[in-house]
Amino acid sequence: MNLYKYFTYPEQLDGYTNRLRVPSVAFEAAQTGEITWKQAEQYIMKDPELAYGYALSVLNRRWPEAEPYIMEDPEWAYLYAYDVLKRRWPEAEQYIIQDPWSAYSYARNVLKRRWPEAEPHIMKDPETWNQYRSRYNL
C-alpha cells in the first residue's frame, strides 16, 4: 500500500527519497505516475530484472546505460540479448556462460548453434546438459 499518496507533498516526508531508491519501488512509482520514468531510471537500471523489463516494455529498445548491470546476471543477460537486442551480445557472454540454463538457451536461441566454450559450464547441470546434447547430437 502506498501511504504517500495521501499526502499533498510526500517528498517532504522522512524516508520518501530513500524509499524511491529501492528499484522495485521506483519502478512502481513510475508506473503509477508518482514520478516520471526518467526519474526512476537511475534506480531501475541497477536491478537486472527491472532494467530488462524497462528496456523491453517501456523503452522498446536497447538501454546502454543499464547494460553493465543487466549483464552481471546470466539469466537476464540472456533474455536481454534474445528479446531486446535480438542478436549476440559478446560483452555479456562471460556472464551468461556461468549459468548452465542461460548458456544453453543463449546457444539455442541467440547463437542458433553449438557453443563449445560453454559446454563445460552446461555440463554442470545434468538436465540442461541432456537437452544440449540431444539438440546438437553429441
Protein backbone atom coordinates (compact mmCIF):
# COMPACT_ATOMS: atom_id res chain seq x y z
CA MET A 1 0.00 0.00 0.00
CA ASN A 2 1.31 3.43 -0.93
CA LEU A 3 0.57 5.71 2.03
CA TYR A 4 2.47 8.57 0.42
CA LYS A 5 -0.43 9.18 -1.99
CA TYR A 6 -2.49 10.54 0.90
CA PHE A 7 -0.13 13.47 1.42
CA THR A 8 -0.08 16.66 -0.62
CA TYR A 9 3.73 16.88 -0.54
CA PRO A 10 5.02 13.35 0.13
CA GLU A 11 8.53 14.28 -0.93
CA GLN A 12 8.81 16.34 2.26
CA LEU A 13 8.20 13.31 4.50
CA ASP A 14 11.09 11.48 6.15
CA GLY A 15 12.08 8.39 4.20
CA TYR A 16 10.36 9.38 0.96
CA THR A 17 13.55 9.81 -1.06
CA ASN A 18 15.18 6.70 0.39
CA ARG A 19 12.04 4.71 -0.39
CA LEU A 20 12.36 5.55 -4.08
CA ARG A 21 15.95 4.35 -4.13
CA VAL A 22 14.68 0.78 -3.99
CA PRO A 23 14.48 -0.23 -7.67
CA SER A 24 11.14 -2.04 -7.43
CA VAL A 25 9.55 0.90 -5.58
CA ALA A 26 10.88 3.36 -8.16
CA PHE A 27 9.54 1.15 -10.97
CA GLU A 28 6.10 1.00 -9.34
CA ALA A 29 6.13 4.75 -8.64
CA ALA A 30 6.83 5.45 -12.32
CA GLN A 31 4.12 3.01 -13.42
CA THR A 32 1.55 4.81 -11.29
CA GLY A 33 2.73 8.24 -12.36
CA GLU A 34 4.01 9.20 -8.93
CA ILE A 35 7.36 10.02 -10.55
CA THR A 36 8.47 10.11 -14.17
CA TRP A 37 10.21 7.18 -15.84
CA LYS A 38 13.22 9.44 -16.32
CA GLN A 39 13.41 10.00 -12.55
CA ALA A 40 13.11 6.26 -11.88
CA GLU A 41 15.77 5.18 -14.39
CA GLN A 42 18.75 5.78 -12.10
CA TYR A 43 17.31 3.25 -9.63
CA ILE A 44 15.72 0.79 -12.05
CA MET A 45 18.93 0.30 -14.02
CA LYS A 46 20.66 -1.23 -11.00
CA ASP A 47 18.28 -4.20 -10.87
CA PRO A 48 18.90 -6.57 -13.82
CA GLU A 49 15.34 -7.90 -13.94
CA LEU A 50 13.71 -4.47 -13.77
CA ALA A 51 16.20 -2.99 -16.23
CA TYR A 52 15.43 -5.78 -18.69
CA GLY A 53 11.68 -5.23 -18.24
CA TYR A 54 12.02 -1.48 -18.65
CA ALA A 55 14.08 -1.82 -21.83
CA LEU A 56 11.68 -4.39 -23.27
CA SER A 57 8.31 -2.98 -22.25
CA VAL A 58 8.76 0.75 -21.68
CA LEU A 59 11.64 1.85 -23.89
CA ASN A 60 11.07 -0.85 -26.53
CA ARG A 61 14.75 -0.64 -27.37
CA ARG A 62 18.27 -1.17 -26.14
CA TRP A 63 19.23 0.62 -22.91
CA PRO A 64 23.04 1.01 -22.99
CA GLU A 65 23.26 2.75 -19.61
CA ALA A 66 21.77 -0.30 -17.86
CA GLU A 67 23.73 -2.96 -19.74
CA PRO A 68 26.61 -3.15 -17.22
CA TYR A 69 24.05 -4.09 -14.56
CA ILE A 70 22.00 -6.43 -16.75
CA MET A 71 24.98 -8.40 -17.97
CA GLU A 72 26.02 -9.34 -14.44
CA ASP A 73 23.01 -11.66 -14.11
CA PRO A 74 23.26 -14.60 -16.56
CA GLU A 75 19.53 -15.16 -16.93
CA TRP A 76 18.60 -11.53 -17.55
CA ALA A 77 21.63 -11.04 -19.79
CA TYR A 78 20.48 -13.95 -21.97
CA LEU A 79 16.90 -12.66 -22.08
CA TYR A 80 18.09 -9.13 -22.87
CA ALA A 81 20.16 -10.44 -25.78
CA TYR A 82 17.25 -12.55 -27.01
CA ASP A 83 14.29 -10.19 -26.51
CA VAL A 84 15.78 -6.70 -26.64
CA LEU A 85 18.97 -6.86 -28.71
CA LYS A 86 17.74 -9.77 -30.82
CA ARG A 87 21.33 -10.72 -31.52
CA ARG A 88 24.55 -11.96 -29.99
CA TRP A 89 25.88 -9.93 -27.06
CA PRO A 90 29.63 -10.72 -26.87
CA GLU A 91 30.25 -8.37 -23.92
CA ALA A 92 27.86 -10.38 -21.74
CA GLU A 93 28.90 -13.87 -22.76
CA GLN A 94 31.41 -14.19 -19.92
CA TYR A 95 28.46 -13.84 -17.52
CA ILE A 96 25.89 -15.84 -19.49
CA ILE A 97 28.26 -18.80 -19.73
CA GLN A 98 28.33 -19.15 -15.92
CA ASP A 99 24.75 -20.44 -15.69
CA PRO A 100 24.02 -23.77 -17.44
CA TRP A 101 20.42 -22.97 -18.40
CA SER A 102 21.25 -19.45 -19.62
CA ALA A 103 24.23 -20.72 -21.61
CA TYR A 104 22.17 -23.46 -23.27
CA SER A 105 19.31 -21.05 -24.04
CA TYR A 106 21.73 -18.49 -25.44
CA ALA A 107 23.35 -21.11 -27.67
CA ARG A 108 19.99 -22.39 -28.88
CA ASN A 109 18.04 -19.16 -29.30
CA VAL A 110 20.63 -16.44 -29.88
CA LEU A 111 23.67 -18.11 -31.41
CA LYS A 112 21.47 -20.80 -33.01
CA ARG A 113 24.36 -23.26 -32.90
CA ARG A 114 26.62 -25.20 -30.56
CA TRP A 115 28.63 -23.12 -28.15
CA PRO A 116 31.73 -25.21 -27.38
CA GLU A 117 33.16 -22.67 -24.93
CA ALA A 118 30.03 -23.03 -22.79
CA GLU A 119 29.87 -26.83 -22.79
CA PRO A 120 31.94 -27.34 -19.61
CA HIS A 121 29.55 -24.97 -17.83
CA ILE A 122 26.41 -26.53 -19.28
CA MET A 123 27.64 -29.97 -18.15
CA LYS A 124 27.32 -28.85 -14.53
CA ASP A 125 23.55 -29.31 -14.75
CA PRO A 126 22.66 -32.85 -15.93
CA GLU A 127 19.17 -31.99 -17.16
CA THR A 128 20.34 -28.98 -19.17
CA TRP A 129 23.33 -30.94 -20.50
CA ASN A 130 20.96 -33.69 -21.67
CA GLN A 131 18.88 -31.15 -23.60
CA TYR A 132 22.00 -29.59 -25.09
CA ARG A 133 23.43 -32.99 -26.12
CA SER A 134 20.15 -34.04 -27.70
CA ARG A 135 19.80 -30.78 -29.58
CA TYR A 136 23.29 -30.97 -31.06
CA ASN A 137 23.60 -34.76 -31.38
CA LEU A 138 26.59 -35.07 -29.06
